[in-house]
Amino acid sequence: MSGLTLVNAAEPEFVDVKSDLLGALRVRSDELLTFPSGLLGFPECRRFALVRAAHEGLFWLQSHDYSTLVFLLVDPFEVANDYSIEIGPSQLMELGPHRPSDVALLAIVTLPATAGQHPTANLQGPVAINFATRCGKQIVVSETDYGVRCPIDLARLKT
């Protein structure tokens, strides 16, 4: 077997993701998320790393391709007790085959520019992620009581 190199297929490959906010991240390549349509306002941004933040229910969604683009995401069910939306089957089909437990909904958070104001979450346009296929999509719900700038209390989240 001269000249033949064996590779252990069980060891995952890693990719480096640069983030201006979070620093250098090392992520398993099979854990990168793909958003085939990008996110609203960012159609060219299609590959992201999802990183847990310091508080339970908070995550960073860091673009793999643009180091300056990072979103703070929150579990909407943690910040809005009565959160409920209806997502059409066609929107869920775009995420690929899944069981209900494979899909998570997260809301994009906007942090206030001035002290004394509350952060807001886009509860009308949550991000849906299918962890089985590693595919994501920002869902837009037209018929809902929730808006794109719902005040939230991040202090309620556990550390």
N, C-alpha and C. Protein backbone atom coordinates (compact mmCIF):
# COMPACT_ATOMS: atom_id res chain seq x y z
N MET A 1 0.82 -1.18 0.00
CA MET A 1 0.00 0.00 0.00
C MET A 1 0.87 1.25 0.00
N SER A 2 1.83 1.31 -0.82
CA SER A 2 2.68 2.50 -0.86
C SER A 2 1.96 3.63 -1.57
N GLY A 3 2.12 4.85 -1.01
CA GLY A 3 1.51 6.03 -1.62
C GLY A 3 0.04 6.20 -1.32
N LEU A 4 -0.52 5.31 -0.54
CA LEU A 4 -1.95 5.38 -0.23
C LEU A 4 -2.13 5.98 1.17
N THR A 5 -2.97 6.98 1.28
CA THR A 5 -3.23 7.60 2.55
C THR A 5 -4.65 7.27 2.99
N LEU A 6 -4.77 6.75 4.19
CA LEU A 6 -6.08 6.42 4.72
C LEU A 6 -6.61 7.61 5.51
N VAL A 7 -7.89 7.90 5.33
CA VAL A 7 -8.53 8.99 6.04
C VAL A 7 -9.60 8.40 6.93
N ASN A 8 -9.61 8.80 8.18
CA ASN A 8 -10.65 8.35 9.10
C ASN A 8 -11.92 9.14 8.80
N ALA A 9 -12.90 8.48 8.21
CA ALA A 9 -14.13 9.16 7.80
C ALA A 9 -14.96 9.63 8.99
N ALA A 10 -14.68 9.10 10.17
CA ALA A 10 -15.48 9.48 11.34
C ALA A 10 -15.10 10.87 11.87
N GLU A 11 -13.93 11.36 11.54
CA GLU A 11 -13.51 12.67 12.02
C GLU A 11 -14.13 13.77 11.16
N PRO A 12 -14.85 14.69 11.78
CA PRO A 12 -15.48 15.76 10.99
C PRO A 12 -14.45 16.77 10.50
N GLU A 13 -14.77 17.38 9.38
CA GLU A 13 -13.95 18.47 8.87
C GLU A 13 -14.44 19.76 9.51
N PHE A 14 -13.53 20.68 9.69
CA PHE A 14 -13.88 21.97 10.29
C PHE A 14 -13.63 23.08 9.30
N VAL A 15 -14.39 24.15 9.45
CA VAL A 15 -14.19 25.35 8.64
C VAL A 15 -14.00 26.52 9.60
N ASP A 16 -13.21 27.46 9.17
CA ASP A 16 -13.01 28.68 9.95
C ASP A 16 -14.00 29.72 9.47
N VAL A 17 -14.71 30.31 10.40
CA VAL A 17 -15.68 31.37 10.11
C VAL A 17 -15.18 32.62 10.81
N LYS A 18 -14.95 33.65 10.03
CA LYS A 18 -14.47 34.91 10.59
C LYS A 18 -15.66 35.79 10.97
N SER A 19 -15.58 36.38 12.15
CA SER A 19 -16.64 37.26 12.62
C SER A 19 -16.02 38.50 13.22
N ASP A 20 -16.42 39.66 12.73
CA ASP A 20 -15.93 40.91 13.30
C ASP A 20 -16.39 41.08 14.74
N LEU A 21 -17.54 40.53 15.09
CA LEU A 21 -18.09 40.66 16.45
C LEU A 21 -17.62 39.54 17.37
N LEU A 22 -17.66 38.32 16.88
CA LEU A 22 -17.40 37.15 17.73
C LEU A 22 -15.97 36.64 17.66
N GLY A 23 -15.19 37.15 16.72
CA GLY A 23 -13.82 36.66 16.54
C GLY A 23 -13.80 35.45 15.62
N ALA A 24 -12.70 34.73 15.67
CA ALA A 24 -12.55 33.55 14.81
C ALA A 24 -13.35 32.38 15.40
N LEU A 25 -14.13 31.74 14.56
CA LEU A 25 -14.94 30.59 14.98
C LEU A 25 -14.48 29.37 14.19
N ARG A 26 -14.44 28.25 14.85
CA ARG A 26 -14.13 26.98 14.17
C ARG A 26 -15.39 26.13 14.29
N VAL A 27 -15.97 25.80 13.15
CA VAL A 27 -17.26 25.12 13.11
C VAL A 27 -17.14 23.86 12.26
N ARG A 28 -17.80 22.82 12.70
CA ARG A 28 -17.82 21.60 11.87
C ARG A 28 -18.51 21.92 10.56
N SER A 29 -17.93 21.49 9.46
CA SER A 29 -18.49 21.82 8.15
C SER A 29 -19.91 21.28 7.98
N ASP A 30 -20.21 20.16 8.61
CA ASP A 30 -21.56 19.60 8.49
C ASP A 30 -22.56 20.30 9.40
N GLU A 31 -22.11 21.30 10.17
CA GLU A 31 -23.01 22.08 11.01
C GLU A 31 -23.34 23.45 10.43
N LEU A 32 -22.72 23.81 9.30
CA LEU A 32 -23.08 25.07 8.65
C LEU A 32 -24.52 24.98 8.16
N LEU A 33 -25.23 26.08 8.25
CA LEU A 33 -26.60 26.15 7.76
C LEU A 33 -26.62 26.80 6.39
N THR A 34 -27.51 26.35 5.55
CA THR A 34 -27.68 26.93 4.22
C THR A 34 -29.06 27.55 4.12
N PHE A 35 -29.09 28.81 3.70
CA PHE A 35 -30.34 29.52 3.45
C PHE A 35 -30.40 29.74 1.93
N PRO A 36 -31.05 28.85 1.17
CA PRO A 36 -31.04 28.95 -0.29
C PRO A 36 -31.50 30.30 -0.83
N SER A 37 -32.41 30.98 -0.14
CA SER A 37 -32.89 32.29 -0.58
C SER A 37 -32.26 33.43 0.20
N GLY A 38 -31.30 33.13 1.05
CA GLY A 38 -30.71 34.15 1.91
C GLY A 38 -31.72 34.58 2.97
N LEU A 39 -31.47 35.72 3.58
CA LEU A 39 -32.39 36.31 4.54
C LEU A 39 -32.97 37.57 3.93
N LEU A 40 -34.10 38.04 4.45
CA LEU A 40 -34.71 39.25 3.91
C LEU A 40 -33.70 40.41 3.96
N GLY A 41 -33.48 41.02 2.82
CA GLY A 41 -32.52 42.11 2.72
C GLY A 41 -31.10 41.65 2.44
N PHE A 42 -30.85 40.34 2.55
CA PHE A 42 -29.52 39.79 2.34
C PHE A 42 -29.60 38.52 1.48
N PRO A 43 -30.12 38.62 0.26
CA PRO A 43 -30.34 37.41 -0.55
C PRO A 43 -29.04 36.70 -0.94
N GLU A 44 -27.93 37.43 -0.97
CA GLU A 44 -26.66 36.82 -1.37
C GLU A 44 -25.97 36.07 -0.23
N CYS A 45 -26.47 36.23 0.98
CA CYS A 45 -25.87 35.57 2.15
C CYS A 45 -26.59 34.26 2.39
N ARG A 46 -25.89 33.17 2.11
CA ARG A 46 -26.57 31.87 2.13
C ARG A 46 -26.01 30.86 3.11
N ARG A 47 -24.77 31.07 3.58
CA ARG A 47 -24.18 30.10 4.51
C ARG A 47 -23.92 30.78 5.86
N PHE A 48 -24.36 30.11 6.93
CA PHE A 48 -24.26 30.68 8.26
C PHE A 48 -23.84 29.64 9.28
N ALA A 49 -23.23 30.12 10.34
CA ALA A 49 -22.94 29.30 11.51
C ALA A 49 -23.87 29.76 12.62
N LEU A 50 -24.49 28.83 13.31
CA LEU A 50 -25.34 29.13 14.44
C LEU A 50 -24.55 28.83 15.70
N VAL A 51 -24.37 29.86 16.54
CA VAL A 51 -23.53 29.76 17.73
C VAL A 51 -24.36 30.12 18.95
N ARG A 52 -24.29 29.31 19.98
CA ARG A 52 -25.00 29.62 21.23
C ARG A 52 -24.41 30.87 21.85
N ALA A 53 -25.28 31.71 22.38
CA ALA A 53 -24.85 32.91 23.09
C ALA A 53 -24.76 32.60 24.59
N ALA A 54 -24.44 33.60 25.39
CA ALA A 54 -24.23 33.41 26.82
C ALA A 54 -25.50 33.06 27.58
N HIS A 55 -26.65 33.44 27.06
CA HIS A 55 -27.92 33.17 27.74
C HIS A 55 -28.67 32.06 27.02
N GLU A 56 -29.39 31.26 27.79
CA GLU A 56 -30.21 30.21 27.22
C GLU A 56 -31.29 30.85 26.34
N GLY A 57 -31.50 30.32 25.16
CA GLY A 57 -32.51 30.86 24.26
C GLY A 57 -32.00 31.94 23.33
N LEU A 58 -30.71 32.29 23.44
CA LEU A 58 -30.10 33.29 22.55
C LEU A 58 -29.02 32.63 21.70
N PHE A 59 -28.95 33.04 20.44
CA PHE A 59 -27.98 32.48 19.50
C PHE A 59 -27.46 33.59 18.61
N TRP A 60 -26.27 33.37 18.08
CA TRP A 60 -25.71 34.24 17.04
C TRP A 60 -25.80 33.50 15.72
N LEU A 61 -26.23 34.17 14.68
CA LEU A 61 -26.25 33.62 13.33
C LEU A 61 -25.22 34.41 12.53
N GLN A 62 -24.04 33.82 12.38
CA GLN A 62 -22.91 34.48 11.74
C GLN A 62 -22.79 34.04 10.29
N SER A 63 -22.72 35.02 9.40
CA SER A 63 -22.52 34.72 7.99
C SER A 63 -21.14 34.11 7.79
N HIS A 64 -21.07 33.06 7.00
CA HIS A 64 -19.79 32.43 6.67
C HIS A 64 -19.05 33.27 5.64
N ASP A 65 -19.79 33.99 4.81
CA ASP A 65 -19.19 34.72 3.70
C ASP A 65 -18.88 36.18 3.99
N TYR A 66 -19.56 36.77 4.97
CA TYR A 66 -19.37 38.19 5.29
C TYR A 66 -19.13 38.34 6.79
N SER A 67 -17.91 38.62 7.16
CA SER A 67 -17.54 38.65 8.58
C SER A 67 -18.28 39.73 9.36
N THR A 68 -18.77 40.75 8.68
CA THR A 68 -19.48 41.84 9.38
C THR A 68 -20.94 41.52 9.63
N LEU A 69 -21.48 40.50 8.99
CA LEU A 69 -22.91 40.20 9.09
C LEU A 69 -23.17 39.12 10.14
N VAL A 70 -23.79 39.54 11.24
CA VAL A 70 -24.16 38.61 12.30
C VAL A 70 -25.49 39.08 12.89
N PHE A 71 -26.35 38.14 13.20
CA PHE A 71 -27.66 38.44 13.76
C PHE A 71 -27.76 37.81 15.15
N LEU A 72 -28.40 38.50 16.06
CA LEU A 72 -28.74 37.92 17.35
C LEU A 72 -30.13 37.33 17.19
N LEU A 73 -30.28 36.07 17.58
CA LEU A 73 -31.56 35.37 17.47
C LEU A 73 -32.02 34.96 18.87
N VAL A 74 -33.33 34.95 19.05
CA VAL A 74 -33.92 34.54 20.32
C VAL A 74 -35.01 33.52 20.06
N ASP A 75 -35.17 32.61 21.00
CA ASP A 75 -36.28 31.67 20.96
C ASP A 75 -37.54 32.48 21.24
N PRO A 76 -38.44 32.64 20.27
CA PRO A 76 -39.61 33.50 20.47
C PRO A 76 -40.55 32.98 21.57
N PHE A 77 -40.52 31.69 21.83
CA PHE A 77 -41.38 31.12 22.85
C PHE A 77 -40.88 31.45 24.26
N GLU A 78 -39.62 31.88 24.36
CA GLU A 78 -39.04 32.28 25.65
C GLU A 78 -39.36 33.74 25.98
N VAL A 79 -39.62 34.56 24.99
CA VAL A 79 -39.82 36.00 25.23
C VAL A 79 -41.27 36.45 25.00
N ALA A 80 -42.07 35.62 24.40
CA ALA A 80 -43.50 35.93 24.18
C ALA A 80 -44.31 34.71 24.60
N ASN A 81 -44.85 34.75 25.79
CA ASN A 81 -45.53 33.59 26.37
C ASN A 81 -46.61 32.99 25.48
N ASP A 82 -47.33 33.84 24.77
CA ASP A 82 -48.45 33.36 23.96
C ASP A 82 -48.10 33.29 22.47
N TYR A 83 -46.82 33.21 22.15
CA TYR A 83 -46.40 33.22 20.74
C TYR A 83 -46.96 32.02 20.00
N SER A 84 -47.60 32.30 18.90
CA SER A 84 -48.17 31.26 18.06
C SER A 84 -48.34 31.82 16.66
N ILE A 85 -47.82 31.13 15.69
CA ILE A 85 -48.01 31.53 14.30
C ILE A 85 -48.33 30.29 13.48
N GLU A 86 -48.94 30.52 12.34
CA GLU A 86 -49.26 29.43 11.44
C GLU A 86 -48.38 29.55 10.20
N ILE A 87 -47.63 28.49 9.95
CA ILE A 87 -46.72 28.47 8.80
C ILE A 87 -47.31 27.52 7.77
N GLY A 88 -47.41 28.02 6.54
CA GLY A 88 -47.98 27.21 5.47
C GLY A 88 -47.11 26.02 5.11
N PRO A 89 -47.73 24.92 4.72
CA PRO A 89 -46.98 23.71 4.35
C PRO A 89 -45.96 23.96 3.23
N SER A 90 -46.30 24.85 2.28
CA SER A 90 -45.36 25.11 1.18
C SER A 90 -44.07 25.76 1.69
N GLN A 91 -44.18 26.63 2.72
CA GLN A 91 -42.98 27.26 3.28
C GLN A 91 -42.13 26.23 4.01
N LEU A 92 -42.77 25.32 4.71
CA LEU A 92 -42.01 24.29 5.42
C LEU A 92 -41.38 23.29 4.47
N MET A 93 -42.02 23.04 3.33
CA MET A 93 -41.47 22.09 2.35
C MET A 93 -40.14 22.58 1.80
N GLU A 94 -39.96 23.89 1.76
CA GLU A 94 -38.70 24.44 1.25
C GLU A 94 -37.52 24.09 2.15
N LEU A 95 -37.80 23.69 3.39
CA LEU A 95 -36.73 23.31 4.32
C LEU A 95 -36.28 21.87 4.13
N GLY A 96 -37.00 21.12 3.30
CA GLY A 96 -36.65 19.72 3.07
C GLY A 96 -37.42 18.81 4.00
N PRO A 97 -37.22 17.51 3.83
CA PRO A 97 -37.97 16.54 4.65
C PRO A 97 -37.63 16.71 6.13
N HIS A 98 -38.66 16.56 6.97
CA HIS A 98 -38.43 16.78 8.40
C HIS A 98 -39.55 16.18 9.23
N ARG A 99 -39.22 15.98 10.48
CA ARG A 99 -40.21 15.70 11.51
C ARG A 99 -40.41 17.02 12.24
N PRO A 100 -41.53 17.23 12.90
CA PRO A 100 -41.73 18.49 13.62
C PRO A 100 -40.60 18.81 14.59
N SER A 101 -40.01 17.79 15.21
CA SER A 101 -38.93 18.03 16.17
C SER A 101 -37.62 18.48 15.50
N ASP A 102 -37.53 18.37 14.18
CA ASP A 102 -36.32 18.79 13.45
C ASP A 102 -36.26 20.29 13.23
N VAL A 103 -37.41 20.96 13.31
CA VAL A 103 -37.50 22.37 12.92
C VAL A 103 -37.59 23.27 14.16
N ALA A 104 -36.76 24.31 14.15
CA ALA A 104 -36.80 25.31 15.22
C ALA A 104 -37.13 26.67 14.63
N LEU A 105 -37.84 27.48 15.39
CA LEU A 105 -38.13 28.86 15.01
C LEU A 105 -37.34 29.78 15.92
N LEU A 106 -36.68 30.77 15.33
CA LEU A 106 -35.94 31.77 16.08
C LEU A 106 -36.28 33.13 15.50
N ALA A 107 -36.26 34.14 16.35
CA ALA A 107 -36.60 35.50 15.91
C ALA A 107 -35.36 36.38 15.92
N ILE A 108 -35.25 37.23 14.92
CA ILE A 108 -34.12 38.16 14.83
C ILE A 108 -34.37 39.31 15.80
N VAL A 109 -33.34 39.61 16.60
CA VAL A 109 -33.42 40.66 17.61
C VAL A 109 -32.74 41.92 17.09
N THR A 110 -33.36 43.06 17.35
CA THR A 110 -32.74 44.36 17.09
C THR A 110 -32.44 44.98 18.44
N LEU A 111 -31.16 45.27 18.66
CA LEU A 111 -30.76 45.89 19.93
C LEU A 111 -30.93 47.39 19.82
N PRO A 112 -31.32 48.04 20.91
CA PRO A 112 -31.57 49.49 20.86
C PRO A 112 -30.28 50.29 20.65
N ALA A 113 -30.42 51.38 19.93
CA ALA A 113 -29.27 52.26 19.68
C ALA A 113 -29.00 53.17 20.87
N THR A 114 -30.04 53.41 21.68
CA THR A 114 -29.89 54.30 22.83
C THR A 114 -30.28 53.57 24.11
N ALA A 115 -29.61 53.94 25.19
CA ALA A 115 -29.90 53.35 26.50
C ALA A 115 -31.33 53.69 26.91
N GLY A 116 -31.92 52.78 27.66
CA GLY A 116 -33.27 53.01 28.15
C GLY A 116 -34.36 52.45 27.25
N GLN A 117 -34.01 52.08 26.04
CA GLN A 117 -34.99 51.49 25.14
C GLN A 117 -34.88 49.97 25.22
N HIS A 118 -35.95 49.29 24.86
CA HIS A 118 -35.97 47.83 24.90
C HIS A 118 -35.54 47.25 23.55
N PRO A 119 -34.90 46.08 23.59
CA PRO A 119 -34.66 45.37 22.33
C PRO A 119 -36.00 44.92 21.75
N THR A 120 -36.01 44.69 20.46
CA THR A 120 -37.22 44.21 19.81
C THR A 120 -36.90 42.93 19.05
N ALA A 121 -37.94 42.16 18.76
CA ALA A 121 -37.77 40.92 18.00
C ALA A 121 -38.76 40.92 16.85
N ASN A 122 -38.32 40.38 15.74
CA ASN A 122 -39.18 40.24 14.57
C ASN A 122 -39.95 38.93 14.72
N LEU A 123 -41.12 39.02 15.34
CA LEU A 123 -41.94 37.83 15.55
C LEU A 123 -42.85 37.53 14.36
N GLN A 124 -42.93 38.47 13.43
CA GLN A 124 -43.72 38.26 12.22
C GLN A 124 -42.91 37.53 11.14
N GLY A 125 -41.60 37.64 11.21
CA GLY A 125 -40.73 37.01 10.21
C GLY A 125 -39.66 36.15 10.84
N PRO A 126 -40.05 35.07 11.55
CA PRO A 126 -39.05 34.24 12.21
C PRO A 126 -38.19 33.47 11.23
N VAL A 127 -37.06 33.02 11.72
CA VAL A 127 -36.16 32.18 10.95
C VAL A 127 -36.47 30.73 11.33
N ALA A 128 -36.76 29.91 10.32
CA ALA A 128 -37.03 28.49 10.55
C ALA A 128 -35.79 27.71 10.12
N ILE A 129 -35.36 26.79 10.97
CA ILE A 129 -34.18 25.98 10.66
C ILE A 129 -34.55 24.51 10.80
N ASN A 130 -34.27 23.75 9.74
CA ASN A 130 -34.45 22.31 9.76
C ASN A 130 -33.08 21.72 10.09
N PHE A 131 -32.92 21.21 11.31
CA PHE A 131 -31.63 20.69 11.73
C PHE A 131 -31.30 19.35 11.09
N ALA A 132 -32.28 18.66 10.51
CA ALA A 132 -32.02 17.41 9.81
C ALA A 132 -31.33 17.67 8.47
N THR A 133 -31.76 18.72 7.77
CA THR A 133 -31.19 19.03 6.45
C THR A 133 -30.19 20.18 6.50
N ARG A 134 -30.11 20.88 7.67
CA ARG A 134 -29.24 22.05 7.85
C ARG A 134 -29.66 23.19 6.92
N CYS A 135 -30.94 23.23 6.61
CA CYS A 135 -31.49 24.24 5.71
C CYS A 135 -32.33 25.24 6.51
N GLY A 136 -32.21 26.52 6.16
CA GLY A 136 -32.97 27.55 6.86
C GLY A 136 -33.71 28.45 5.89
N LYS A 137 -34.69 29.15 6.44
CA LYS A 137 -35.50 30.07 5.64
C LYS A 137 -36.13 31.07 6.58
N GLN A 138 -36.16 32.32 6.15
CA GLN A 138 -36.91 33.30 6.92
C GLN A 138 -38.35 33.26 6.44
N ILE A 139 -39.24 32.99 7.36
CA ILE A 139 -40.66 32.84 7.06
C ILE A 139 -41.33 34.20 7.27
N VAL A 140 -42.20 34.59 6.37
CA VAL A 140 -42.98 35.81 6.55
C VAL A 140 -44.44 35.40 6.74
N VAL A 141 -44.98 35.76 7.88
CA VAL A 141 -46.35 35.42 8.21
C VAL A 141 -47.19 36.68 8.05
N SER A 142 -48.16 36.64 7.16
CA SER A 142 -48.96 37.84 6.91
C SER A 142 -50.09 38.01 7.92
N GLU A 143 -50.69 36.91 8.34
CA GLU A 143 -51.81 37.01 9.27
C GLU A 143 -51.34 36.60 10.67
N THR A 144 -50.99 37.63 11.46
CA THR A 144 -50.52 37.38 12.82
C THR A 144 -50.74 38.64 13.65
N ASP A 145 -50.80 38.45 14.95
CA ASP A 145 -50.93 39.59 15.87
C ASP A 145 -49.56 40.19 16.18
N TYR A 146 -48.51 39.55 15.70
CA TYR A 146 -47.15 39.98 16.01
C TYR A 146 -46.57 40.80 14.87
N GLY A 147 -45.70 41.72 15.22
CA GLY A 147 -45.07 42.58 14.23
C GLY A 147 -43.58 42.30 14.10
N VAL A 148 -42.92 43.19 13.40
CA VAL A 148 -41.49 43.02 13.15
C VAL A 148 -40.64 43.68 14.23
N ARG A 149 -41.25 44.49 15.10
CA ARG A 149 -40.51 45.16 16.19
C ARG A 149 -41.27 45.03 17.50
N CYS A 150 -41.40 43.81 17.99
CA CYS A 150 -42.08 43.56 19.25
C CYS A 150 -41.09 43.73 20.41
N PRO A 151 -41.38 44.62 21.34
CA PRO A 151 -40.49 44.80 22.49
C PRO A 151 -40.37 43.50 23.28
N ILE A 152 -39.14 43.17 23.68
CA ILE A 152 -38.89 41.95 24.46
C ILE A 152 -38.00 42.28 25.65
N ASP A 153 -38.02 41.40 26.63
CA ASP A 153 -37.19 41.54 27.82
C ASP A 153 -36.18 40.41 27.85
N LEU A 154 -34.94 40.69 27.43
CA LEU A 154 -33.91 39.68 27.39
C LEU A 154 -33.44 39.29 28.79
N ALA A 155 -33.75 40.12 29.78
CA ALA A 155 -33.35 39.82 31.16
C ALA A 155 -34.09 38.60 31.70
N ARG A 156 -35.19 38.24 31.08
CA ARG A 156 -35.95 37.05 31.49
C ARG A 156 -35.22 35.75 31.19
N LEU A 157 -34.27 35.80 30.27
CA LEU A 157 -33.56 34.59 29.85
C LEU A 157 -32.55 34.17 30.90
N LYS A 158 -32.37 32.87 31.04
CA LYS A 158 -31.42 32.31 32.02
C LYS A 158 -29.99 32.38 31.46
N THR A 159 -29.03 32.50 32.37
CA THR A 159 -27.62 32.45 31.93
C THR A 159 -27.06 31.07 32.04
